[in-house]
Amino acid sequence: MYAKGKGAVVPSDSQAREKLALYVYEYLLHVGAQKSAQTFLSEVRLHSQVMQT
């Protein structure tokens, strides 16, 4: 999927997770599900804190 070679930048798993979480959050806001978006954001933050410890 990503080119191999000098200077090729491959996103880490954590960067990919953050990007996906932001996409999901923005989608929920876009479709008018503000409460779900806030709950999703809280869950993602909680999960991130647990994974760091």
PDB file of N, CA and C in Angstrom:
ATOM      1  N   MET A   1       0.819  -1.182   0.000  1.00  0.00           N
ATOM      2  CA  MET A   1       0.000   0.000   0.000  1.00  0.00           C
ATOM      3  C   MET A   1       0.866   1.251   0.000  1.00  0.00           C
ATOM      4  N   TYR A   2       1.899   1.274   0.816  1.00  0.00           N
ATOM      5  CA  TYR A   2       2.806   2.415   0.838  1.00  0.00           C
ATOM      6  C   TYR A   2       4.076   2.052   0.091  1.00  0.00           C
ATOM      7  N   ALA A   3       4.635   3.021  -0.593  1.00  0.00           N
ATOM      8  CA  ALA A   3       5.864   2.797  -1.345  1.00  0.00           C
ATOM      9  C   ALA A   3       7.021   2.591  -0.386  1.00  0.00           C
ATOM     10  N   LYS A   4       7.863   1.648  -0.710  1.00  0.00           N
ATOM     11  CA  LYS A   4       9.047   1.415   0.103  1.00  0.00           C
ATOM     12  C   LYS A   4      10.218   2.120  -0.545  1.00  0.00           C
ATOM     13  N   GLY A   5      11.069   2.639   0.269  1.00  0.00           N
ATOM     14  CA  GLY A   5      12.236   3.317  -0.259  1.00  0.00           C
ATOM     15  C   GLY A   5      12.614   4.491   0.612  1.00  0.00           C
ATOM     16  N   LYS A   6      13.639   5.189   0.197  1.00  0.00           N
ATOM     17  CA  LYS A   6      14.104   6.329   0.977  1.00  0.00           C
ATOM     18  C   LYS A   6      13.047   7.420   1.010  1.00  0.00           C
ATOM     19  N   GLY A   7      12.866   7.973   2.187  1.00  0.00           N
ATOM     20  CA  GLY A   7      11.963   9.098   2.331  1.00  0.00           C
ATOM     21  C   GLY A   7      10.489   8.741   2.394  1.00  0.00           C
ATOM     22  N   ALA A   8      10.155   7.472   2.294  1.00  0.00           N
ATOM     23  CA  ALA A   8       8.751   7.075   2.371  1.00  0.00           C
ATOM     24  C   ALA A   8       8.290   7.173   3.819  1.00  0.00           C
ATOM     25  N   VAL A   9       7.192   7.862   4.036  1.00  0.00           N
ATOM     26  CA  VAL A   9       6.660   8.026   5.379  1.00  0.00           C
ATOM     27  C   VAL A   9       5.454   7.116   5.529  1.00  0.00           C
ATOM     28  N   VAL A  10       5.526   6.210   6.496  1.00  0.00           N
ATOM     29  CA  VAL A  10       4.434   5.289   6.757  1.00  0.00           C
ATOM     30  C   VAL A  10       3.808   5.686   8.090  1.00  0.00           C
ATOM     31  N   PRO A  11       2.517   5.983   8.096  1.00  0.00           N
ATOM     32  CA  PRO A  11       1.888   6.387   9.360  1.00  0.00           C
ATOM     33  C   PRO A  11       1.876   5.240  10.363  1.00  0.00           C
ATOM     34  N   SER A  12       2.061   5.579  11.611  1.00  0.00           N
ATOM     35  CA  SER A  12       2.031   4.557  12.648  1.00  0.00           C
ATOM     36  C   SER A  12       0.584   4.146  12.926  1.00  0.00           C
ATOM     37  N   ASP A  13       0.436   3.048  13.638  1.00  0.00           N
ATOM     38  CA  ASP A  13      -0.906   2.587  13.994  1.00  0.00           C
ATOM     39  C   ASP A  13      -1.639   3.624  14.832  1.00  0.00           C
ATOM     40  N   SER A  14      -0.921   4.268  15.755  1.00  0.00           N
ATOM     41  CA  SER A  14      -1.582   5.252  16.612  1.00  0.00           C
ATOM     42  C   SER A  14      -2.046   6.460  15.806  1.00  0.00           C
ATOM     43  N   GLN A  15      -1.257   6.868  14.819  1.00  0.00           N
ATOM     44  CA  GLN A  15      -1.670   7.984  13.964  1.00  0.00           C
ATOM     45  C   GLN A  15      -2.903   7.602  13.152  1.00  0.00           C
ATOM     46  N   ALA A  16      -2.924   6.378  12.664  1.00  0.00           N
ATOM     47  CA  ALA A  16      -4.069   5.908  11.881  1.00  0.00           C
ATOM     48  C   ALA A  16      -5.322   5.848  12.749  1.00  0.00           C
ATOM     49  N   ARG A  17      -5.173   5.367  13.997  1.00  0.00           N
ATOM     50  CA  ARG A  17      -6.308   5.307  14.915  1.00  0.00           C
ATOM     51  C   ARG A  17      -6.856   6.695  15.212  1.00  0.00           C
ATOM     52  N   GLU A  18      -5.953   7.653  15.442  1.00  0.00           N
ATOM     53  CA  GLU A  18      -6.377   9.023  15.735  1.00  0.00           C
ATOM     54  C   GLU A  18      -7.122   9.628  14.545  1.00  0.00           C
ATOM     55  N   LYS A  19      -6.608   9.387  13.358  1.00  0.00           N
ATOM     56  CA  LYS A  19      -7.240   9.931  12.149  1.00  0.00           C
ATOM     57  C   LYS A  19      -8.630   9.326  11.948  1.00  0.00           C
ATOM     58  N   LEU A  20      -8.748   8.028  12.161  1.00  0.00           N
ATOM     59  CA  LEU A  20     -10.044   7.363  12.026  1.00  0.00           C
ATOM     60  C   LEU A  20     -11.024   7.863  13.082  1.00  0.00           C
ATOM     61  N   ALA A  21     -10.558   8.017  14.314  1.00  0.00           N
ATOM     62  CA  ALA A  21     -11.425   8.504  15.388  1.00  0.00           C
ATOM     63  C   ALA A  21     -11.935   9.905  15.071  1.00  0.00           C
ATOM     64  N   LEU A  22     -11.068  10.755  14.549  1.00  0.00           N
ATOM     65  CA  LEU A  22     -11.479  12.110  14.184  1.00  0.00           C
ATOM     66  C   LEU A  22     -12.512  12.070  13.061  1.00  0.00           C
ATOM     67  N   TYR A  23     -12.303  11.197  12.092  1.00  0.00           N
ATOM     68  CA  TYR A  23     -13.244  11.052  10.980  1.00  0.00           C
ATOM     69  C   TYR A  23     -14.621  10.618  11.492  1.00  0.00           C
ATOM     70  N   VAL A  24     -14.642   9.631  12.376  1.00  0.00           N
ATOM     71  CA  VAL A  24     -15.914   9.138  12.922  1.00  0.00           C
ATOM     72  C   VAL A  24     -16.604  10.239  13.725  1.00  0.00           C
ATOM     73  N   TYR A  25     -15.839  10.943  14.551  1.00  0.00           N
ATOM     74  CA  TYR A  25     -16.392  12.035  15.359  1.00  0.00           C
ATOM     75  C   TYR A  25     -17.008  13.115  14.468  1.00  0.00           C
ATOM     76  N   GLU A  26     -16.276  13.529  13.442  1.00  0.00           N
ATOM     77  CA  GLU A  26     -16.782  14.561  12.535  1.00  0.00           C
ATOM     78  C   GLU A  26     -18.011  14.077  11.764  1.00  0.00           C
ATOM     79  N   TYR A  27     -18.031  12.800  11.401  1.00  0.00           N
ATOM     80  CA  TYR A  27     -19.196  12.244  10.707  1.00  0.00           C
ATOM     81  C   TYR A  27     -20.430  12.289  11.610  1.00  0.00           C
ATOM     82  N   LEU A  28     -20.257  11.883  12.862  1.00  0.00           N
ATOM     83  CA  LEU A  28     -21.382  11.907  13.796  1.00  0.00           C
ATOM     84  C   LEU A  28     -21.926  13.321  13.967  1.00  0.00           C
ATOM     85  N   LEU A  29     -21.029  14.290  14.047  1.00  0.00           N
ATOM     86  CA  LEU A  29     -21.481  15.682  14.134  1.00  0.00           C
ATOM     87  C   LEU A  29     -22.220  16.092  12.865  1.00  0.00           C
ATOM     88  N   HIS A  30     -21.695  15.688  11.724  1.00  0.00           N
ATOM     89  CA  HIS A  30     -22.278  16.052  10.428  1.00  0.00           C
ATOM     90  C   HIS A  30     -23.708  15.528  10.269  1.00  0.00           C
ATOM     91  N   VAL A  31     -23.961  14.325  10.764  1.00  0.00           N
ATOM     92  CA  VAL A  31     -25.299  13.740  10.617  1.00  0.00           C
ATOM     93  C   VAL A  31     -26.239  14.156  11.749  1.00  0.00           C
ATOM     94  N   GLY A  32     -25.756  15.015  12.643  1.00  0.00           N
ATOM     95  CA  GLY A  32     -26.619  15.541  13.695  1.00  0.00           C
ATOM     96  C   GLY A  32     -26.683  14.716  14.961  1.00  0.00           C
ATOM     97  N   ALA A  33     -25.724  13.844  15.160  1.00  0.00           N
ATOM     98  CA  ALA A  33     -25.709  12.993  16.348  1.00  0.00           C
ATOM     99  C   ALA A  33     -24.699  13.539  17.363  1.00  0.00           C
ATOM    100  N   GLN A  34     -24.990  14.730  17.888  1.00  0.00           N
ATOM    101  CA  GLN A  34     -24.050  15.391  18.790  1.00  0.00           C
ATOM    102  C   GLN A  34     -23.798  14.587  20.064  1.00  0.00           C
ATOM    103  N   LYS A  35     -24.848  14.027  20.651  1.00  0.00           N
ATOM    104  CA  LYS A  35     -24.686  13.250  21.886  1.00  0.00           C
ATOM    105  C   LYS A  35     -23.826  12.016  21.624  1.00  0.00           C
ATOM    106  N   SER A  36     -24.077  11.342  20.532  1.00  0.00           N
ATOM    107  CA  SER A  36     -23.269  10.173  20.176  1.00  0.00           C
ATOM    108  C   SER A  36     -21.827  10.569  19.911  1.00  0.00           C
ATOM    109  N   ALA A  37     -21.625  11.720  19.282  1.00  0.00           N
ATOM    110  CA  ALA A  37     -20.270  12.200  19.005  1.00  0.00           C
ATOM    111  C   ALA A  37     -19.518  12.459  20.301  1.00  0.00           C
ATOM    112  N   GLN A  38     -20.189  13.081  21.269  1.00  0.00           N
ATOM    113  CA  GLN A  38     -19.546  13.355  22.555  1.00  0.00           C
ATOM    114  C   GLN A  38     -19.242  12.058  23.303  1.00  0.00           C
ATOM    115  N   THR A  39     -20.172  11.112  23.269  1.00  0.00           N
ATOM    116  CA  THR A  39     -19.948   9.822  23.916  1.00  0.00           C
ATOM    117  C   THR A  39     -18.786   9.093  23.255  1.00  0.00           C
ATOM    118  N   PHE A  40     -18.751   9.105  21.936  1.00  0.00           N
ATOM    119  CA  PHE A  40     -17.661   8.471  21.197  1.00  0.00           C
ATOM    120  C   PHE A  40     -16.320   9.079  21.593  1.00  0.00           C
ATOM    121  N   LEU A  41     -16.265  10.412  21.648  1.00  0.00           N
ATOM    122  CA  LEU A  41     -15.035  11.100  22.007  1.00  0.00           C
ATOM    123  C   LEU A  41     -14.591  10.718  23.419  1.00  0.00           C
ATOM    124  N   SER A  42     -15.526  10.642  24.350  1.00  0.00           N
ATOM    125  CA  SER A  42     -15.206  10.244  25.723  1.00  0.00           C
ATOM    126  C   SER A  42     -14.656   8.823  25.769  1.00  0.00           C
ATOM    127  N   GLU A  43     -15.276   7.920  25.027  1.00  0.00           N
ATOM    128  CA  GLU A  43     -14.827   6.527  24.996  1.00  0.00           C
ATOM    129  C   GLU A  43     -13.433   6.403  24.387  1.00  0.00           C
ATOM    130  N   VAL A  44     -13.182   7.140  23.331  1.00  0.00           N
ATOM    131  CA  VAL A  44     -11.870   7.084  22.679  1.00  0.00           C
ATOM    132  C   VAL A  44     -10.798   7.604  23.628  1.00  0.00           C
ATOM    133  N   ARG A  45     -11.088   8.691  24.316  1.00  0.00           N
ATOM    134  CA  ARG A  45     -10.125   9.251  25.276  1.00  0.00           C
ATOM    135  C   ARG A  45      -9.862   8.274  26.403  1.00  0.00           C
ATOM    136  N   LEU A  46     -10.924   7.653  26.931  1.00  0.00           N
ATOM    137  CA  LEU A  46     -10.779   6.686  28.012  1.00  0.00           C
ATOM    138  C   LEU A  46      -9.933   5.509  27.546  1.00  0.00           C
ATOM    139  N   HIS A  47     -10.214   5.000  26.365  1.00  0.00           N
ATOM    140  CA  HIS A  47      -9.458   3.870  25.819  1.00  0.00           C
ATOM    141  C   HIS A  47      -7.990   4.240  25.628  1.00  0.00           C
ATOM    142  N   SER A  48      -7.730   5.448  25.160  1.00  0.00           N
ATOM    143  CA  SER A  48      -6.355   5.901  24.945  1.00  0.00           C
ATOM    144  C   SER A  48      -5.596   5.971  26.258  1.00  0.00           C
ATOM    145  N   GLN A  49      -6.252   6.443  27.313  1.00  0.00           N
ATOM    146  CA  GLN A  49      -5.606   6.539  28.618  1.00  0.00           C
ATOM    147  C   GLN A  49      -5.295   5.157  29.177  1.00  0.00           C
ATOM    148  N   VAL A  50      -6.204   4.215  29.006  1.00  0.00           N
ATOM    149  CA  VAL A  50      -5.991   2.857  29.497  1.00  0.00           C
ATOM    150  C   VAL A  50      -4.838   2.199  28.746  1.00  0.00           C
ATOM    151  N   MET A  51      -4.765   2.424  27.440  1.00  0.00           N
ATOM    152  CA  MET A  51      -3.712   1.813  26.627  1.00  0.00           C
ATOM    153  C   MET A  51      -2.334   2.378  26.961  1.00  0.00           C
ATOM    154  N   GLN A  52      -2.253   3.607  27.447  1.00  0.00           N
ATOM    155  CA  GLN A  52      -0.971   4.223  27.765  1.00  0.00           C
ATOM    156  C   GLN A  52      -0.412   3.715  29.085  1.00  0.00           C
ATOM    157  N   THR A  53      -1.257   3.182  29.963  1.00  0.00           N
ATOM    158  CA  THR A  53      -0.777   2.717  31.264  1.00  0.00           C
ATOM    159  C   THR A  53      -0.455   1.268  31.259  1.00  0.00           C
TER     160      THR A  53
END
